[in-house]
Amino acid sequence: MSSAGFKFGEEGGKTPRTVQGVVEVKTFLVGFTDADGRSQARMAFRVPGSKTTYLLQERLGGQNVVLPANPWFHKAFVDKLQAAGHEESSEPVESV
């Protein structure tokens, strides 16, 4: 499975024991109103230049889970980052 240029595991169950690259990821605390009109807060992050924003969800089944945000959230998040002076990279992220 590949997301934002990163591979999570390998086929065949063989796991290498090397770090192949590192990319800085900034984390933001985001307040928003969900589809039901409730105020929510989540930690959000994305690899610069990627087209996906990830959210740390509330505990699901006893585990904290990170899921891709809905497209509307991603667009609004990127708009806020740009308005706050954070640069939005239009260049593709280099695969590591």
PDB file of N, CA and C in Angstrom:
ATOM      1  N   MET A   1       0.847  -1.177   0.000  1.00  0.00           N
ATOM      2  CA  MET A   1       0.000   0.000   0.000  1.00  0.00           C
ATOM      3  C   MET A   1       0.885   1.231   0.000  1.00  0.00           C
ATOM      4  N   SER A   2       0.561   2.206  -0.803  1.00  0.00           N
ATOM      5  CA  SER A   2       1.370   3.410  -0.904  1.00  0.00           C
ATOM      6  C   SER A   2       0.498   4.620  -0.636  1.00  0.00           C
ATOM      7  N   SER A   3       1.008   5.561   0.167  1.00  0.00           N
ATOM      8  CA  SER A   3       0.268   6.775   0.469  1.00  0.00           C
ATOM      9  C   SER A   3       1.248   7.933   0.527  1.00  0.00           C
ATOM     10  N   ALA A   4       0.983   8.957  -0.222  1.00  0.00           N
ATOM     11  CA  ALA A   4       1.821  10.151  -0.263  1.00  0.00           C
ATOM     12  C   ALA A   4       3.272   9.800  -0.547  1.00  0.00           C
ATOM     13  N   GLY A   5       3.495   8.767  -1.371  1.00  0.00           N
ATOM     14  CA  GLY A   5       4.844   8.404  -1.759  1.00  0.00           C
ATOM     15  C   GLY A   5       5.568   7.489  -0.798  1.00  0.00           C
ATOM     16  N   PHE A   6       4.929   7.097   0.292  1.00  0.00           N
ATOM     17  CA  PHE A   6       5.551   6.202   1.256  1.00  0.00           C
ATOM     18  C   PHE A   6       4.961   4.814   1.116  1.00  0.00           C
ATOM     19  N   LYS A   7       5.784   3.786   1.289  1.00  0.00           N
ATOM     20  CA  LYS A   7       5.304   2.410   1.290  1.00  0.00           C
ATOM     21  C   LYS A   7       5.187   1.958   2.736  1.00  0.00           C
ATOM     22  N   PHE A   8       4.067   1.378   3.068  1.00  0.00           N
ATOM     23  CA  PHE A   8       3.842   0.868   4.409  1.00  0.00           C
ATOM     24  C   PHE A   8       3.895  -0.657   4.343  1.00  0.00           C
ATOM     25  N   GLY A   9       5.081  -1.229   4.604  1.00  0.00           N
ATOM     26  CA  GLY A   9       5.265  -2.672   4.531  1.00  0.00           C
ATOM     27  C   GLY A   9       5.593  -3.107   3.122  1.00  0.00           C
ATOM     28  N   GLU A  10       5.959  -4.368   2.992  1.00  0.00           N
ATOM     29  CA  GLU A  10       6.274  -4.936   1.684  1.00  0.00           C
ATOM     30  C   GLU A  10       5.494  -6.220   1.490  1.00  0.00           C
ATOM     31  N   GLU A  11       5.251  -6.557   0.243  1.00  0.00           N
ATOM     32  CA  GLU A  11       4.596  -7.818  -0.058  1.00  0.00           C
ATOM     33  C   GLU A  11       5.524  -8.960   0.317  1.00  0.00           C
ATOM     34  N   GLY A  12       4.956 -10.098   0.668  1.00  0.00           N
ATOM     35  CA  GLY A  12       5.749 -11.273   0.990  1.00  0.00           C
ATOM     36  C   GLY A  12       6.191 -11.334   2.441  1.00  0.00           C
ATOM     37  N   GLY A  13       5.843 -10.349   3.229  1.00  0.00           N
ATOM     38  CA  GLY A  13       6.145 -10.384   4.649  1.00  0.00           C
ATOM     39  C   GLY A  13       7.587 -10.078   5.014  1.00  0.00           C
ATOM     40  N   LYS A  14       8.423  -9.733   4.052  1.00  0.00           N
ATOM     41  CA  LYS A  14       9.826  -9.440   4.316  1.00  0.00           C
ATOM     42  C   LYS A  14       9.961  -7.965   4.685  1.00  0.00           C
ATOM     43  N   THR A  15      10.491  -7.680   5.873  1.00  0.00           N
ATOM     44  CA  THR A  15      10.620  -6.303   6.333  1.00  0.00           C
ATOM     45  C   THR A  15      12.085  -5.920   6.436  1.00  0.00           C
ATOM     46  N   PRO A  16      12.543  -4.945   5.655  1.00  0.00           N
ATOM     47  CA  PRO A  16      13.928  -4.506   5.769  1.00  0.00           C
ATOM     48  C   PRO A  16      14.132  -3.732   7.072  1.00  0.00           C
ATOM     49  N   ARG A  17      15.334  -3.743   7.579  1.00  0.00           N
ATOM     50  CA  ARG A  17      15.637  -3.025   8.814  1.00  0.00           C
ATOM     51  C   ARG A  17      16.542  -1.839   8.517  1.00  0.00           C
ATOM     52  N   THR A  18      16.059  -0.996   7.607  1.00  0.00           N
ATOM     53  CA  THR A  18      16.804   0.206   7.247  1.00  0.00           C
ATOM     54  C   THR A  18      15.836   1.381   7.185  1.00  0.00           C
ATOM     55  N   VAL A  19      16.342   2.560   7.479  1.00  0.00           N
ATOM     56  CA  VAL A  19      15.590   3.787   7.276  1.00  0.00           C
ATOM     57  C   VAL A  19      16.064   4.352   5.949  1.00  0.00           C
ATOM     58  N   GLN A  20      15.142   4.508   5.013  1.00  0.00           N
ATOM     59  CA  GLN A  20      15.515   4.921   3.674  1.00  0.00           C
ATOM     60  C   GLN A  20      15.380   6.417   3.441  1.00  0.00           C
ATOM     61  N   GLY A  21      14.716   7.115   4.328  1.00  0.00           N
ATOM     62  CA  GLY A  21      14.592   8.555   4.163  1.00  0.00           C
ATOM     63  C   GLY A  21      13.726   9.140   5.251  1.00  0.00           C
ATOM     64  N   VAL A  22      13.811  10.450   5.405  1.00  0.00           N
ATOM     65  CA  VAL A  22      13.037  11.151   6.419  1.00  0.00           C
ATOM     66  C   VAL A  22      12.494  12.434   5.803  1.00  0.00           C
ATOM     67  N   VAL A  23      11.221  12.719   6.058  1.00  0.00           N
ATOM     68  CA  VAL A  23      10.593  13.952   5.616  1.00  0.00           C
ATOM     69  C   VAL A  23       9.928  14.582   6.837  1.00  0.00           C
ATOM     70  N   GLU A  24      10.163  15.874   7.055  1.00  0.00           N
ATOM     71  CA  GLU A  24       9.532  16.570   8.161  1.00  0.00           C
ATOM     72  C   GLU A  24       8.039  16.691   7.909  1.00  0.00           C
ATOM     73  N   VAL A  25       7.252  16.444   8.943  1.00  0.00           N
ATOM     74  CA  VAL A  25       5.808  16.587   8.870  1.00  0.00           C
ATOM     75  C   VAL A  25       5.380  17.487  10.023  1.00  0.00           C
ATOM     76  N   LYS A  26       4.758  18.597   9.700  1.00  0.00           N
ATOM     77  CA  LYS A  26       4.255  19.494  10.738  1.00  0.00           C
ATOM     78  C   LYS A  26       2.864  19.024  11.151  1.00  0.00           C
ATOM     79  N   THR A  27       2.606  19.093  12.441  1.00  0.00           N
ATOM     80  CA  THR A  27       1.314  18.694  12.981  1.00  0.00           C
ATOM     81  C   THR A  27       0.573  19.935  13.461  1.00  0.00           C
ATOM     82  N   PHE A  28      -0.723  19.980  13.206  1.00  0.00           N
ATOM     83  CA  PHE A  28      -1.547  21.119  13.586  1.00  0.00           C
ATOM     84  C   PHE A  28      -2.753  20.636  14.370  1.00  0.00           C
ATOM     85  N   LEU A  29      -3.187  21.415  15.341  1.00  0.00           N
ATOM     86  CA  LEU A  29      -4.438  21.164  16.036  1.00  0.00           C
ATOM     87  C   LEU A  29      -5.492  21.981  15.302  1.00  0.00           C
ATOM     88  N   VAL A  30      -6.538  21.314  14.810  1.00  0.00           N
ATOM     89  CA  VAL A  30      -7.524  21.958  13.955  1.00  0.00           C
ATOM     90  C   VAL A  30      -8.899  21.882  14.606  1.00  0.00           C
ATOM     91  N   GLY A  31      -9.530  23.032  14.755  1.00  0.00           N
ATOM     92  CA  GLY A  31     -10.926  23.085  15.217  1.00  0.00           C
ATOM     93  C   GLY A  31     -11.821  23.192  13.997  1.00  0.00           C
ATOM     94  N   PHE A  32     -12.915  22.438  13.981  1.00  0.00           N
ATOM     95  CA  PHE A  32     -13.811  22.464  12.822  1.00  0.00           C
ATOM     96  C   PHE A  32     -15.212  22.055  13.251  1.00  0.00           C
ATOM     97  N   THR A  33     -16.161  22.256  12.361  1.00  0.00           N
ATOM     98  CA  THR A  33     -17.532  21.819  12.574  1.00  0.00           C
ATOM     99  C   THR A  33     -17.777  20.638  11.658  1.00  0.00           C
ATOM    100  N   ASP A  34     -18.218  19.508  12.241  1.00  0.00           N
ATOM    101  CA  ASP A  34     -18.420  18.296  11.434  1.00  0.00           C
ATOM    102  C   ASP A  34     -19.750  18.347  10.689  1.00  0.00           C
ATOM    103  N   ALA A  35     -20.045  17.289   9.933  1.00  0.00           N
ATOM    104  CA  ALA A  35     -21.250  17.227   9.099  1.00  0.00           C
ATOM    105  C   ALA A  35     -22.535  17.283   9.930  1.00  0.00           C
ATOM    106  N   ASP A  36     -22.452  16.931  11.220  1.00  0.00           N
ATOM    107  CA  ASP A  36     -23.623  16.972  12.099  1.00  0.00           C
ATOM    108  C   ASP A  36     -23.743  18.296  12.849  1.00  0.00           C
ATOM    109  N   GLY A  37     -22.841  19.261  12.535  1.00  0.00           N
ATOM    110  CA  GLY A  37     -22.894  20.564  13.176  1.00  0.00           C
ATOM    111  C   GLY A  37     -22.208  20.634  14.533  1.00  0.00           C
ATOM    112  N   ARG A  38     -21.470  19.579  14.911  1.00  0.00           N
ATOM    113  CA  ARG A  38     -20.773  19.561  16.203  1.00  0.00           C
ATOM    114  C   ARG A  38     -19.378  20.146  16.055  1.00  0.00           C
ATOM    115  N   SER A  39     -18.951  20.890  17.081  1.00  0.00           N
ATOM    116  CA  SER A  39     -17.577  21.392  17.109  1.00  0.00           C
ATOM    117  C   SER A  39     -16.644  20.243  17.458  1.00  0.00           C
ATOM    118  N   GLN A  40     -15.565  20.118  16.702  1.00  0.00           N
ATOM    119  CA  GLN A  40     -14.599  19.041  16.898  1.00  0.00           C
ATOM    120  C   GLN A  40     -13.191  19.628  16.886  1.00  0.00           C
ATOM    121  N   ALA A  41     -12.250  18.884  17.410  1.00  0.00           N
ATOM    122  CA  ALA A  41     -10.837  19.244  17.321  1.00  0.00           C
ATOM    123  C   ALA A  41     -10.054  17.972  17.041  1.00  0.00           C
ATOM    124  N   ARG A  42      -9.115  18.047  16.126  1.00  0.00           N
ATOM    125  CA  ARG A  42      -8.286  16.900  15.768  1.00  0.00           C
ATOM    126  C   ARG A  42      -6.872  17.383  15.477  1.00  0.00           C
ATOM    127  N   MET A  43      -5.925  16.458  15.646  1.00  0.00           N
ATOM    128  CA  MET A  43      -4.573  16.713  15.174  1.00  0.00           C
ATOM    129  C   MET A  43      -4.559  16.343  13.698  1.00  0.00           C
ATOM    130  N   ALA A  44      -4.009  17.230  12.876  1.00  0.00           N
ATOM    131  CA  ALA A  44      -3.960  17.001  11.432  1.00  0.00           C
ATOM    132  C   ALA A  44      -2.523  17.181  10.960  1.00  0.00           C
ATOM    133  N   PHE A  45      -2.158  16.396   9.951  1.00  0.00           N
ATOM    134  CA  PHE A  45      -0.828  16.532   9.369  1.00  0.00           C
ATOM    135  C   PHE A  45      -0.849  16.076   7.928  1.00  0.00           C
ATOM    136  N   ARG A  46       0.170  16.528   7.196  1.00  0.00           N
ATOM    137  CA  ARG A  46       0.315  16.112   5.809  1.00  0.00           C
ATOM    138  C   ARG A  46       1.768  16.275   5.399  1.00  0.00           C
ATOM    139  N   VAL A  47       2.182  15.467   4.459  1.00  0.00           N
ATOM    140  CA  VAL A  47       3.508  15.607   3.881  1.00  0.00           C
ATOM    141  C   VAL A  47       3.427  16.787   2.922  1.00  0.00           C
ATOM    142  N   PRO A  48       4.319  17.789   3.048  1.00  0.00           N
ATOM    143  CA  PRO A  48       4.243  18.951   2.164  1.00  0.00           C
ATOM    144  C   PRO A  48       4.184  18.548   0.690  1.00  0.00           C
ATOM    145  N   GLY A  49       3.237  19.152  -0.026  1.00  0.00           N
ATOM    146  CA  GLY A  49       3.078  18.870  -1.447  1.00  0.00           C
ATOM    147  C   GLY A  49       2.157  17.708  -1.747  1.00  0.00           C
ATOM    148  N   SER A  50       1.752  16.959  -0.719  1.00  0.00           N
ATOM    149  CA  SER A  50       0.863  15.823  -0.979  1.00  0.00           C
ATOM    150  C   SER A  50      -0.568  16.310  -1.121  1.00  0.00           C
ATOM    151  N   LYS A  51      -1.404  15.476  -1.673  1.00  0.00           N
ATOM    152  CA  LYS A  51      -2.800  15.820  -1.879  1.00  0.00           C
ATOM    153  C   LYS A  51      -3.688  15.181  -0.815  1.00  0.00           C
ATOM    154  N   THR A  52      -3.087  14.753   0.303  1.00  0.00           N
ATOM    155  CA  THR A  52      -3.847  14.105   1.368  1.00  0.00           C
ATOM    156  C   THR A  52      -3.497  14.727   2.710  1.00  0.00           C
ATOM    157  N   THR A  53      -4.523  14.981   3.505  1.00  0.00           N
ATOM    158  CA  THR A  53      -4.365  15.399   4.888  1.00  0.00           C
ATOM    159  C   THR A  53      -4.811  14.232   5.747  1.00  0.00           C
ATOM    160  N   TYR A  54      -4.087  13.970   6.821  1.00  0.00           N
ATOM    161  CA  TYR A  54      -4.421  12.873   7.724  1.00  0.00           C
ATOM    162  C   TYR A  54      -4.876  13.428   9.063  1.00  0.00           C
ATOM    163  N   LEU A  55      -5.853  12.760   9.671  1.00  0.00           N
ATOM    164  CA  LEU A  55      -6.384  13.164  10.966  1.00  0.00           C
ATOM    165  C   LEU A  55      -6.199  12.053  11.985  1.00  0.00           C
ATOM    166  N   LEU A  56      -5.787  12.436  13.196  1.00  0.00           N
ATOM    167  CA  LEU A  56      -5.755  11.497  14.305  1.00  0.00           C
ATOM    168  C   LEU A  56      -7.168  11.470  14.866  1.00  0.00           C
ATOM    169  N   GLN A  57      -7.845  10.342  14.701  1.00  0.00           N
ATOM    170  CA  GLN A  57      -9.237  10.207  15.123  1.00  0.00           C
ATOM    171  C   GLN A  57      -9.325   9.903  16.615  1.00  0.00           C
ATOM    172  N   GLU A  58     -10.529  10.058  17.138  1.00  0.00           N
ATOM    173  CA  GLU A  58     -10.785   9.615  18.496  1.00  0.00           C
ATOM    174  C   GLU A  58     -10.586   8.106  18.518  1.00  0.00           C
ATOM    175  N   ARG A  59     -10.486   7.546  19.693  1.00  0.00           N
ATOM    176  CA  ARG A  59     -10.259   6.105  19.789  1.00  0.00           C
ATOM    177  C   ARG A  59     -11.378   5.331  19.088  1.00  0.00           C
ATOM    178  N   LEU A  60     -10.981   4.429  18.225  1.00  0.00           N
ATOM    179  CA  LEU A  60     -11.905   3.534  17.523  1.00  0.00           C
ATOM    180  C   LEU A  60     -11.538   2.121  17.924  1.00  0.00           C
ATOM    181  N   GLY A  61     -12.426   1.436  18.609  1.00  0.00           N
ATOM    182  CA  GLY A  61     -12.139   0.074  19.049  1.00  0.00           C
ATOM    183  C   GLY A  61     -10.962   0.023  20.014  1.00  0.00           C
ATOM    184  N   GLY A  62     -10.779   1.075  20.818  1.00  0.00           N
ATOM    185  CA  GLY A  62      -9.698   1.096  21.795  1.00  0.00           C
ATOM    186  C   GLY A  62      -8.350   1.548  21.258  1.00  0.00           C
ATOM    187  N   GLN A  63      -8.275   1.876  19.985  1.00  0.00           N
ATOM    188  CA  GLN A  63      -7.012   2.284  19.362  1.00  0.00           C
ATOM    189  C   GLN A  63      -7.135   3.679  18.765  1.00  0.00           C
ATOM    190  N   ASN A  64      -6.059   4.465  18.863  1.00  0.00           N
ATOM    191  CA  ASN A  64      -6.022   5.722  18.120  1.00  0.00           C
ATOM    192  C   ASN A  64      -5.726   5.367  16.670  1.00  0.00           C
ATOM    193  N   VAL A  65      -6.474   5.952  15.764  1.00  0.00           N
ATOM    194  CA  VAL A  65      -6.365   5.621  14.348  1.00  0.00           C
ATOM    195  C   VAL A  65      -6.125   6.900  13.552  1.00  0.00           C
ATOM    196  N   VAL A  66      -5.230   6.821  12.580  1.00  0.00           N
ATOM    197  CA  VAL A  66      -4.992   7.927  11.661  1.00  0.00           C
ATOM    198  C   VAL A  66      -5.655   7.569  10.338  1.00  0.00           C
ATOM    199  N   LEU A  67      -6.512   8.475   9.871  1.00  0.00           N
ATOM    200  CA  LEU A  67      -7.243   8.243   8.625  1.00  0.00           C
ATOM    201  C   LEU A  67      -7.103   9.446   7.696  1.00  0.00           C
ATOM    202  N   PRO A  68      -7.195   9.211   6.393  1.00  0.00           N
ATOM    203  CA  PRO A  68      -7.199  10.349   5.468  1.00  0.00           C
ATOM    204  C   PRO A  68      -8.448  11.196   5.704  1.00  0.00           C
ATOM    205  N   ALA A  69      -8.281  12.512   5.658  1.00  0.00           N
ATOM    206  CA  ALA A  69      -9.411  13.420   5.831  1.00  0.00           C
ATOM    207  C   ALA A  69     -10.263  13.441   4.572  1.00  0.00           C
ATOM    208  N   ASN A  70     -11.504  13.844   4.735  1.00  0.00           N
ATOM    209  CA  ASN A  70     -12.386  14.022   3.587  1.00  0.00           C
ATOM    210  C   ASN A  70     -11.842  15.138   2.697  1.00  0.00           C
ATOM    211  N   PRO A  71     -12.144  15.089   1.394  1.00  0.00           N
ATOM    212  CA  PRO A  71     -11.648  16.125   0.483  1.00  0.00           C
ATOM    213  C   PRO A  71     -12.017  17.550   0.915  1.00  0.00           C
ATOM    214  N   TRP A  72     -13.234  17.763   1.445  1.00  0.00           N
ATOM    215  CA  TRP A  72     -13.626  19.115   1.872  1.00  0.00           C
ATOM    216  C   TRP A  72     -12.717  19.595   3.002  1.00  0.00           C
ATOM    217  N   PHE A  73     -12.346  18.697   3.924  1.00  0.00           N
ATOM    218  CA  PHE A  73     -11.487  19.064   5.046  1.00  0.00           C
ATOM    219  C   PHE A  73     -10.090  19.410   4.529  1.00  0.00           C
ATOM    220  N   HIS A  74      -9.563  18.580   3.628  1.00  0.00           N
ATOM    221  CA  HIS A  74      -8.234  18.827   3.066  1.00  0.00           C
ATOM    222  C   HIS A  74      -8.179  20.201   2.412  1.00  0.00           C
ATOM    223  N   LYS A  75      -9.164  20.509   1.571  1.00  0.00           N
ATOM    224  CA  LYS A  75      -9.171  21.798   0.877  1.00  0.00           C
ATOM    225  C   LYS A  75      -9.227  22.950   1.876  1.00  0.00           C
ATOM    226  N   ALA A  76     -10.113  22.881   2.864  1.00  0.00           N
ATOM    227  CA  ALA A  76     -10.236  23.940   3.866  1.00  0.00           C
ATOM    228  C   ALA A  76      -8.960  24.061   4.699  1.00  0.00           C
ATOM    229  N   PHE A  77      -8.338  22.929   5.021  1.00  0.00           N
ATOM    230  CA  PHE A  77      -7.099  22.910   5.799  1.00  0.00           C
ATOM    231  C   PHE A  77      -5.973  23.604   5.028  1.00  0.00           C
ATOM    232  N   VAL A  78      -5.812  23.255   3.762  1.00  0.00           N
ATOM    233  CA  VAL A  78      -4.768  23.858   2.932  1.00  0.00           C
ATOM    234  C   VAL A  78      -5.037  25.358   2.763  1.00  0.00           C
ATOM    235  N   ASP A  79      -6.300  25.742   2.578  1.00  0.00           N
ATOM    236  CA  ASP A  79      -6.640  27.167   2.464  1.00  0.00           C
ATOM    237  C   ASP A  79      -6.220  27.922   3.723  1.00  0.00           C
ATOM    238  N   LYS A  80      -6.465  27.353   4.890  1.00  0.00           N
ATOM    239  CA  LYS A  80      -6.083  27.992   6.160  1.00  0.00           C
ATOM    240  C   LYS A  80      -4.566  28.065   6.292  1.00  0.00           C
ATOM    241  N   LEU A  81      -3.859  27.017   5.879  1.00  0.00           N
ATOM    242  CA  LEU A  81      -2.398  27.045   5.920  1.00  0.00           C
ATOM    243  C   LEU A  81      -1.852  28.176   5.049  1.00  0.00           C
ATOM    244  N   GLN A  82      -2.412  28.319   3.859  1.00  0.00           N
ATOM    245  CA  GLN A  82      -1.974  29.382   2.958  1.00  0.00           C
ATOM    246  C   GLN A  82      -2.276  30.751   3.554  1.00  0.00           C
ATOM    247  N   ALA A  83      -3.458  30.917   4.140  1.00  0.00           N
ATOM    248  CA  ALA A  83      -3.841  32.202   4.738  1.00  0.00           C
ATOM    249  C   ALA A  83      -2.938  32.557   5.921  1.00  0.00           C
ATOM    250  N   ALA A  84      -2.411  31.538   6.613  1.00  0.00           N
ATOM    251  CA  ALA A  84      -1.542  31.764   7.764  1.00  0.00           C
ATOM    252  C   ALA A  84      -0.083  31.973   7.356  1.00  0.00           C
ATOM    253  N   GLY A  85       0.192  31.928   6.030  1.00  0.00           N
ATOM    254  CA  GLY A  85       1.542  32.173   5.550  1.00  0.00           C
ATOM    255  C   GLY A  85       2.386  30.931   5.376  1.00  0.00           C
ATOM    256  N   HIS A  86       1.822  29.767   5.584  1.00  0.00           N
ATOM    257  CA  HIS A  86       2.547  28.526   5.320  1.00  0.00           C
ATOM    258  C   HIS A  86       2.481  28.279   3.816  1.00  0.00           C
ATOM    259  N   GLU A  87       3.616  27.992   3.234  1.00  0.00           N
ATOM    260  CA  GLU A  87       3.656  27.796   1.783  1.00  0.00           C
ATOM    261  C   GLU A  87       3.093  26.438   1.415  1.00  0.00           C
ATOM    262  N   GLU A  88       2.266  26.423   0.418  1.00  0.00           N
ATOM    263  CA  GLU A  88       1.727  25.183  -0.144  1.00  0.00           C
ATOM    264  C   GLU A  88       2.574  24.834  -1.354  1.00  0.00           C
ATOM    265  N   SER A  89       3.284  23.734  -1.304  1.00  0.00           N
ATOM    266  CA  SER A  89       4.150  23.318  -2.402  1.00  0.00           C
ATOM    267  C   SER A  89       3.320  22.754  -3.525  1.00  0.00           C
ATOM    268  N   SER A  90       3.567  23.239  -4.739  1.00  0.00           N
ATOM    269  CA  SER A  90       2.898  22.673  -5.897  1.00  0.00           C
ATOM    270  C   SER A  90       3.762  21.615  -6.555  1.00  0.00           C
ATOM    271  N   GLU A  91       4.970  21.412  -5.993  1.00  0.00           N
ATOM    272  CA  GLU A  91       5.868  20.416  -6.539  1.00  0.00           C
ATOM    273  C   GLU A  91       5.568  19.049  -5.935  1.00  0.00           C
ATOM    274  N   PRO A  92       5.712  17.988  -6.703  1.00  0.00           N
ATOM    275  CA  PRO A  92       5.469  16.657  -6.149  1.00  0.00           C
ATOM    276  C   PRO A  92       6.510  16.322  -5.086  1.00  0.00           C
ATOM    277  N   VAL A  93       6.090  15.497  -4.141  1.00  0.00           N
ATOM    278  CA  VAL A  93       6.989  15.070  -3.071  1.00  0.00           C
ATOM    279  C   VAL A  93       7.901  13.985  -3.600  1.00  0.00           C
ATOM    280  N   GLU A  94       9.197  14.059  -3.292  1.00  0.00           N
ATOM    281  CA  GLU A  94      10.138  13.045  -3.718  1.00  0.00           C
ATOM    282  C   GLU A  94       9.906  11.778  -2.910  1.00  0.00           C
ATOM    283  N   SER A  95       9.797  10.659  -3.565  1.00  0.00           N
ATOM    284  CA  SER A  95       9.614   9.384  -2.890  1.00  0.00           C
ATOM    285  C   SER A  95      10.882   9.047  -2.112  1.00  0.00           C
ATOM    286  N   VAL A  96      10.704   8.581  -0.879  1.00  0.00           N
ATOM    287  CA  VAL A  96      11.866   8.233  -0.066  1.00  0.00           C
ATOM    288  C   VAL A  96      11.936   6.753   0.179  1.00  0.00           C
TER     289      VAL A  96
END
